[in-house]
Amino acid sequence: MAVPDRPVVAVLGDGCAMFGVQGLCSAARYEVPVAFVVMNNGEYRTLKDTLDEGGGPSAEHGRYVGMDLAPPAIDWRSAARAFGIEALRAGSAAELRDAVAGVGDLAAPLLIEAPIAGHGAGSGG
């Protein structure tokens, strides 16, 4: 945003996006031409990996209390639309590449949901 003629793409995991969903509201309110790419695996994978590295009961048993975001699956496109933000789903690497390639002409925020593999992977619809 420091260079207004260049596109801004924010790549977030779904867990991270859960902590900053108010950013969608701000982007919509101030008409910030930013593309939010939400990589959706339905879990706090980074936190699970950290527990695995440390060992202990969670790693031993593969049980991670409170670290799955689904069920219910979060429908990121509906969340974006609730703030008046256009949203789309990129179901493959090619679709994601094409979606990101098109963000240079944004006049308003856009959310691109990209489902990725994970134990709790899923898209809200």
Foldseek 3Di string as FASTA:
>chain_A
DVPVQFAAEAEEEPVVCVVVVCVLLVQLVVQPLHEYEYAFAQWPVVVLVVCCVVDDDCVVVVDDPPTGNDDVADAVQVSSVVSPAHEEEQADPVSVVVVVVPSSPGRGYYYYYYFDHDPNTDHND
